[in-house]
Amino acid sequence: MSGASPSPAATQAENTLFQEDGVLVTTERLVAGGRAWPLREVLRVEAIHQSPRVVPLLILLGASTVLGLPSIMTAMVARDALGPGIYEAALGCMAVVAFGSIAGLLLAQDQYWLVLRTRGSARRVLLSRDPEHISRLAQGVTEALRVARPRS
């Protein structure tokens, strides 16, 4: 039997520090969003908030009801009006745009991202509509990074 001591790599096995919702932090790396980063590259983890863009939907809704509907109705009663089928089709298209805009406004929700920052980039790795969930996840990953840093 040899009296040699185990190599440093063998004594520092990769241990899991945190694992939840597809995010894994070990003593050596962070895995999220289908990609792995060595811990030495990870500067910080953040939770960010992204509001939905509703201005384009409001513009479409306003234009279809304030401009579209009166324009179509005026053209329908004009002396040189085209056949009724054209105006029915135009009213149908305007209704689709208006109700589609309303549906988009009703379904619009805030989004929360878990963002991983490295020296070279910032990558959004996990999306949720629950701010507390993303915040807890960011805190857990940050704490795991804090624990792992002295070993790096």
Protein backbone atom coordinates (compact mmCIF):
# COMPACT_ATOMS: atom_id res chain seq x y z
CA MET A 1 0.00 0.00 0.00
CA SER A 2 1.18 3.45 -0.84
CA GLY A 3 1.32 6.18 1.79
CA ALA A 4 0.61 8.92 -0.77
CA SER A 5 -2.10 11.38 0.09
CA PRO A 6 -5.05 11.92 -2.24
CA SER A 7 -4.70 14.64 -4.85
CA PRO A 8 -6.30 18.06 -4.15
CA ALA A 9 -8.81 17.43 -6.94
CA ALA A 10 -9.94 14.20 -5.30
CA THR A 11 -10.46 15.82 -1.90
CA GLN A 12 -12.56 18.65 -3.31
CA ALA A 13 -15.38 16.75 -4.97
CA GLU A 14 -18.07 18.80 -6.62
CA ASN A 15 -20.90 19.17 -4.09
CA THR A 16 -24.38 20.53 -4.77
CA LEU A 17 -25.05 23.73 -2.84
CA PHE A 18 -28.39 24.72 -4.38
CA GLN A 19 -30.81 23.12 -6.82
CA GLU A 20 -34.28 24.38 -7.77
CA ASP A 21 -36.27 24.97 -10.98
CA GLY A 22 -33.50 24.04 -13.38
CA VAL A 23 -30.83 26.06 -11.58
CA LEU A 24 -27.94 24.14 -10.05
CA VAL A 25 -25.09 25.59 -8.04
CA THR A 26 -22.23 23.30 -7.09
CA THR A 27 -18.89 24.06 -5.49
CA GLU A 28 -17.44 24.37 -9.01
CA ARG A 29 -20.11 25.68 -11.40
CA LEU A 30 -23.53 27.21 -11.93
CA VAL A 31 -25.89 25.52 -14.40
CA ALA A 32 -28.96 27.39 -15.66
CA GLY A 33 -30.84 27.80 -18.89
CA GLY A 34 -29.14 24.79 -20.42
CA ARG A 35 -25.67 26.27 -19.98
CA ALA A 36 -22.93 25.94 -17.35
CA TRP A 37 -20.55 28.61 -16.02
CA PRO A 38 -17.54 28.09 -13.78
CA LEU A 39 -18.18 29.92 -10.49
CA ARG A 40 -15.16 32.14 -11.05
CA GLU A 41 -16.96 33.67 -14.08
CA VAL A 42 -20.20 34.44 -12.23
CA LEU A 43 -20.19 37.95 -10.78
CA ARG A 44 -23.74 38.05 -9.43
CA VAL A 45 -27.29 36.84 -9.82
CA GLU A 46 -30.22 39.26 -9.98
CA ALA A 47 -33.99 39.22 -10.16
CA ILE A 48 -35.30 41.77 -12.66
CA HIS A 49 -38.81 42.96 -13.46
CA GLN A 50 -40.09 43.50 -17.00
CA SER A 51 -43.41 45.24 -17.61
CA PRO A 52 -45.46 44.31 -20.66
CA ARG A 53 -45.55 46.72 -23.57
CA VAL A 54 -49.10 48.01 -23.75
CA VAL A 55 -48.59 51.23 -25.72
CA PRO A 56 -48.73 49.50 -29.15
CA LEU A 57 -51.93 47.72 -28.11
CA LEU A 58 -53.48 50.98 -26.91
CA ILE A 59 -52.55 52.69 -30.18
CA LEU A 60 -54.13 49.86 -32.21
CA LEU A 61 -57.28 49.93 -30.11
CA GLY A 62 -57.57 53.71 -30.33
CA ALA A 63 -56.89 53.84 -34.06
CA SER A 64 -59.38 51.09 -34.85
CA THR A 65 -62.19 52.62 -32.81
CA VAL A 66 -61.55 56.36 -33.19
CA LEU A 67 -60.35 56.38 -36.81
CA GLY A 68 -61.30 53.04 -38.35
CA LEU A 69 -64.94 52.73 -37.38
CA PRO A 70 -65.96 56.31 -38.35
CA SER A 71 -64.03 56.06 -41.63
CA ILE A 72 -65.74 52.83 -42.62
CA MET A 73 -69.19 54.08 -41.60
CA THR A 74 -68.69 57.32 -43.55
CA ALA A 75 -67.56 55.42 -46.65
CA MET A 76 -70.58 53.11 -46.40
CA VAL A 77 -73.11 55.95 -46.64
CA ALA A 78 -71.30 57.91 -49.35
CA ARG A 79 -72.97 58.24 -52.76
CA ASP A 80 -70.18 56.45 -54.56
CA ALA A 81 -70.07 53.61 -52.02
CA LEU A 82 -68.77 50.26 -53.19
CA GLY A 83 -70.64 46.99 -52.68
CA PRO A 84 -71.67 46.12 -49.09
CA GLY A 85 -69.35 43.09 -48.96
CA ILE A 86 -66.26 45.30 -48.94
CA TYR A 87 -67.49 47.31 -45.95
CA GLU A 88 -68.51 44.20 -44.07
CA ALA A 89 -65.02 42.79 -44.58
CA ALA A 90 -63.48 46.09 -43.42
CA LEU A 91 -65.72 46.14 -40.32
CA GLY A 92 -64.74 42.53 -39.60
CA CYS A 93 -61.03 43.35 -39.85
CA MET A 94 -61.47 46.41 -37.64
CA ALA A 95 -63.33 44.32 -35.05
CA VAL A 96 -60.55 41.70 -35.05
CA VAL A 97 -57.93 44.42 -34.46
CA ALA A 98 -59.98 46.11 -31.71
CA PHE A 99 -60.90 42.92 -29.84
CA GLY A 100 -57.41 41.49 -30.33
CA SER A 101 -55.97 44.63 -28.74
CA ILE A 102 -58.40 44.33 -25.82
CA ALA A 103 -57.47 40.66 -25.36
CA GLY A 104 -53.77 41.56 -25.44
CA LEU A 105 -54.31 44.22 -22.77
CA LEU A 106 -56.26 41.81 -20.57
CA LEU A 107 -53.61 39.09 -20.87
CA ALA A 108 -50.59 41.37 -20.39
CA GLN A 109 -48.69 40.48 -17.23
CA ASP A 110 -45.45 41.50 -15.61
CA GLN A 111 -42.53 39.12 -16.08
CA TYR A 112 -39.70 38.42 -13.68
CA TRP A 113 -36.34 37.07 -14.79
CA LEU A 114 -33.46 35.43 -13.00
CA VAL A 115 -30.41 37.09 -14.58
CA LEU A 116 -26.89 35.73 -14.41
CA ARG A 117 -24.13 38.35 -14.76
CA THR A 118 -20.62 37.45 -15.85
CA ARG A 119 -17.73 39.65 -16.92
CA GLY A 120 -18.74 39.41 -20.56
CA SER A 121 -22.52 39.27 -20.49
CA ALA A 122 -25.83 39.20 -18.71
CA ARG A 123 -28.05 36.23 -19.49
CA ARG A 124 -31.72 35.79 -18.60
CA VAL A 125 -31.88 32.19 -17.46
CA LEU A 126 -35.33 31.71 -15.91
CA LEU A 127 -38.70 33.40 -16.43
CA SER A 128 -41.61 33.54 -13.99
CA ARG A 129 -44.71 35.62 -13.39
CA ASP A 130 -44.24 35.24 -9.63
CA PRO A 131 -41.92 37.92 -8.19
CA GLU A 132 -41.49 36.15 -4.84
CA HIS A 133 -40.42 32.93 -6.54
CA ILE A 134 -37.72 34.62 -8.62
CA SER A 135 -36.58 36.66 -5.63
CA ARG A 136 -36.24 33.54 -3.44
CA LEU A 137 -34.41 31.75 -6.24
CA ALA A 138 -31.98 34.67 -6.70
CA GLN A 139 -31.33 34.79 -2.95
CA GLY A 140 -30.71 31.04 -2.83
CA VAL A 141 -28.28 31.13 -5.73
CA THR A 142 -26.52 34.21 -4.30
CA GLU A 143 -26.10 32.48 -0.93
CA ALA A 144 -24.76 29.34 -2.61
CA LEU A 145 -22.27 31.48 -4.56
CA ARG A 146 -21.21 33.17 -1.32
CA VAL A 147 -20.58 29.77 0.28
CA ALA A 148 -18.66 28.49 -2.74
CA ARG A 149 -16.42 31.55 -3.29
CA PRO A 150 -13.89 30.85 -0.51
CA ARG A 151 -13.31 27.41 -2.04
CA SER A 152 -12.59 28.85 -5.50
